[in-house]
Amino acid sequence: QVQLVESGGGLVQPGGSLRLSCAASGSIFRLNVMGWYRQAPGKQRELVALIPTGGSTNYADSVKGRFTISRDNAKNTVYLQMNSLKPEDTAVYYCTLKQLARDYWGQGTQVTVSS
């Protein structure tokens, strides 16, 4: 079993920054993919960014150049640095870990971008 705990969400003004963290625990295999999705009210969950163990990152076009995903393999933790935030970035952000053909999800953390 895998548990994911997110932190770092909140309210920020347009143009501001936030950093999300997600710590994984349990049966973590060495090779996996960690990342972030988000879901805005009335919309489907969408990919934000993914980072595999030792591999290249993948970003949604809407966040390229503004968001940076990184991970600390020793801590089984993934981070999402979000800069130049826009109102349309408002959503619940979900951490995910993908391994052995299974997807695990965190409980979500709210990010609200508003003046």
Protein backbone atom coordinates (compact mmCIF):
# COMPACT_ATOMS: atom_id res chain seq x y z
CA GLN A 1 0.00 0.00 0.00
CA VAL A 2 1.10 3.57 -0.74
CA GLN A 3 0.13 6.75 1.08
CA LEU A 4 0.58 10.26 -0.33
CA VAL A 5 0.36 13.39 1.81
CA GLU A 6 0.29 16.81 0.13
CA SER A 7 1.00 20.19 1.65
CA GLY A 8 1.60 23.76 0.59
CA GLY A 9 -1.67 24.90 -0.94
CA GLY A 10 -3.39 28.16 -0.09
CA LEU A 11 -4.55 31.53 -1.30
CA VAL A 12 -2.21 33.67 -3.38
CA GLN A 13 -2.58 36.81 -5.48
CA PRO A 14 -2.13 36.72 -9.26
CA GLY A 15 1.54 36.77 -10.12
CA GLY A 16 2.47 35.15 -6.84
CA SER A 17 4.16 31.84 -6.05
CA LEU A 18 3.43 28.69 -4.11
CA ARG A 19 5.34 25.46 -3.53
CA LEU A 20 3.50 22.18 -3.16
CA SER A 21 5.06 19.11 -1.55
CA CYS A 22 3.96 15.48 -1.56
CA ALA A 23 5.54 12.79 0.59
CA ALA A 24 5.02 9.15 -0.32
CA SER A 25 5.25 6.29 2.16
CA GLY A 26 4.61 2.57 2.17
CA SER A 27 5.67 0.10 -0.53
CA ILE A 28 7.60 2.41 -2.86
CA PHE A 29 9.48 0.78 -5.70
CA ARG A 30 12.70 2.26 -7.00
CA LEU A 31 11.29 2.93 -10.46
CA ASN A 32 8.16 5.01 -10.49
CA VAL A 33 6.61 8.21 -11.78
CA MET A 34 5.47 10.96 -9.45
CA GLY A 35 3.58 14.06 -10.37
CA TRP A 36 0.67 16.41 -10.09
CA TYR A 37 -2.79 16.71 -11.58
CA ARG A 38 -5.39 19.37 -10.89
CA GLN A 39 -9.15 19.67 -11.04
CA ALA A 40 -11.04 22.95 -11.22
CA PRO A 41 -14.75 23.20 -10.36
CA GLY A 42 -16.88 21.76 -13.15
CA LYS A 43 -13.86 20.49 -15.09
CA GLN A 44 -12.12 17.17 -15.53
CA ARG A 45 -8.90 16.34 -13.75
CA GLU A 46 -5.93 17.31 -15.91
CA LEU A 47 -2.23 16.66 -15.97
CA VAL A 48 0.04 19.37 -14.59
CA ALA A 49 3.48 17.73 -14.51
CA LEU A 50 5.15 14.34 -14.16
CA ILE A 51 8.68 13.28 -13.24
CA PRO A 52 9.94 9.71 -13.41
CA THR A 53 12.77 8.28 -11.34
CA GLY A 54 15.89 9.60 -13.04
CA GLY A 55 14.03 10.63 -16.18
CA SER A 56 12.88 13.73 -17.99
CA THR A 57 9.96 15.87 -16.91
CA ASN A 58 6.65 16.36 -18.67
CA TYR A 59 4.51 19.51 -18.37
CA ALA A 60 1.11 20.61 -19.53
CA ASP A 61 1.43 23.40 -22.09
CA SER A 62 -0.54 25.73 -19.82
CA VAL A 63 2.13 25.65 -17.10
CA LYS A 64 5.37 25.42 -19.11
CA GLY A 65 7.81 28.13 -18.13
CA ARG A 66 5.92 28.90 -14.91
CA PHE A 67 5.88 25.64 -12.95
CA THR A 68 8.82 23.42 -12.06
CA ILE A 69 8.53 19.85 -10.83
CA SER A 70 11.33 18.17 -8.89
CA ARG A 71 11.79 15.19 -6.61
CA ASP A 72 13.96 13.92 -3.80
CA ASN A 73 14.24 10.16 -4.28
CA ALA A 74 15.81 9.63 -0.87
CA LYS A 75 12.72 11.17 0.75
CA ASN A 76 10.17 9.82 -1.78
CA THR A 77 8.96 13.39 -2.10
CA VAL A 78 7.87 15.39 -5.12
CA TYR A 79 7.63 19.17 -5.29
CA LEU A 80 5.83 21.62 -7.54
CA GLN A 81 7.16 25.17 -7.61
CA MET A 82 4.46 27.39 -9.08
CA ASN A 83 5.41 30.91 -10.19
CA SER A 84 3.52 33.65 -12.01
CA LEU A 85 0.25 32.14 -10.87
CA LYS A 86 -2.93 33.04 -12.72
CA PRO A 87 -6.59 32.87 -11.65
CA GLU A 88 -7.06 29.97 -14.06
CA ASP A 89 -4.57 27.95 -12.00
CA THR A 90 -7.18 27.79 -9.24
CA ALA A 91 -7.96 24.13 -8.58
CA VAL A 92 -7.50 21.23 -6.22
CA TYR A 93 -4.05 19.82 -6.88
CA TYR A 94 -3.58 16.07 -6.51
CA CYS A 95 -0.30 14.26 -6.08
CA THR A 96 0.08 10.95 -7.87
CA LEU A 97 2.51 8.05 -7.82
CA LYS A 98 2.48 5.52 -10.64
CA GLN A 99 4.20 2.14 -10.21
CA LEU A 100 3.64 -1.42 -11.36
CA ALA A 101 0.65 -0.40 -13.49
CA ARG A 102 -1.16 1.18 -10.53
CA ASP A 103 -1.92 4.81 -9.77
CA TYR A 104 -2.03 6.15 -6.23
CA TRP A 105 -3.50 9.53 -5.28
CA GLY A 106 -3.24 12.00 -2.45
CA GLN A 107 -6.22 13.69 -0.84
CA GLY A 108 -5.67 16.94 -2.73
CA THR A 109 -4.70 20.45 -1.71
CA GLN A 110 -6.58 23.60 -2.68
CA VAL A 111 -4.79 26.35 -4.60
CA THR A 112 -6.71 29.59 -5.04
CA VAL A 113 -5.34 32.46 -7.10
CA SER A 114 -7.34 35.60 -6.48
CA SER A 115 -6.92 39.26 -5.67
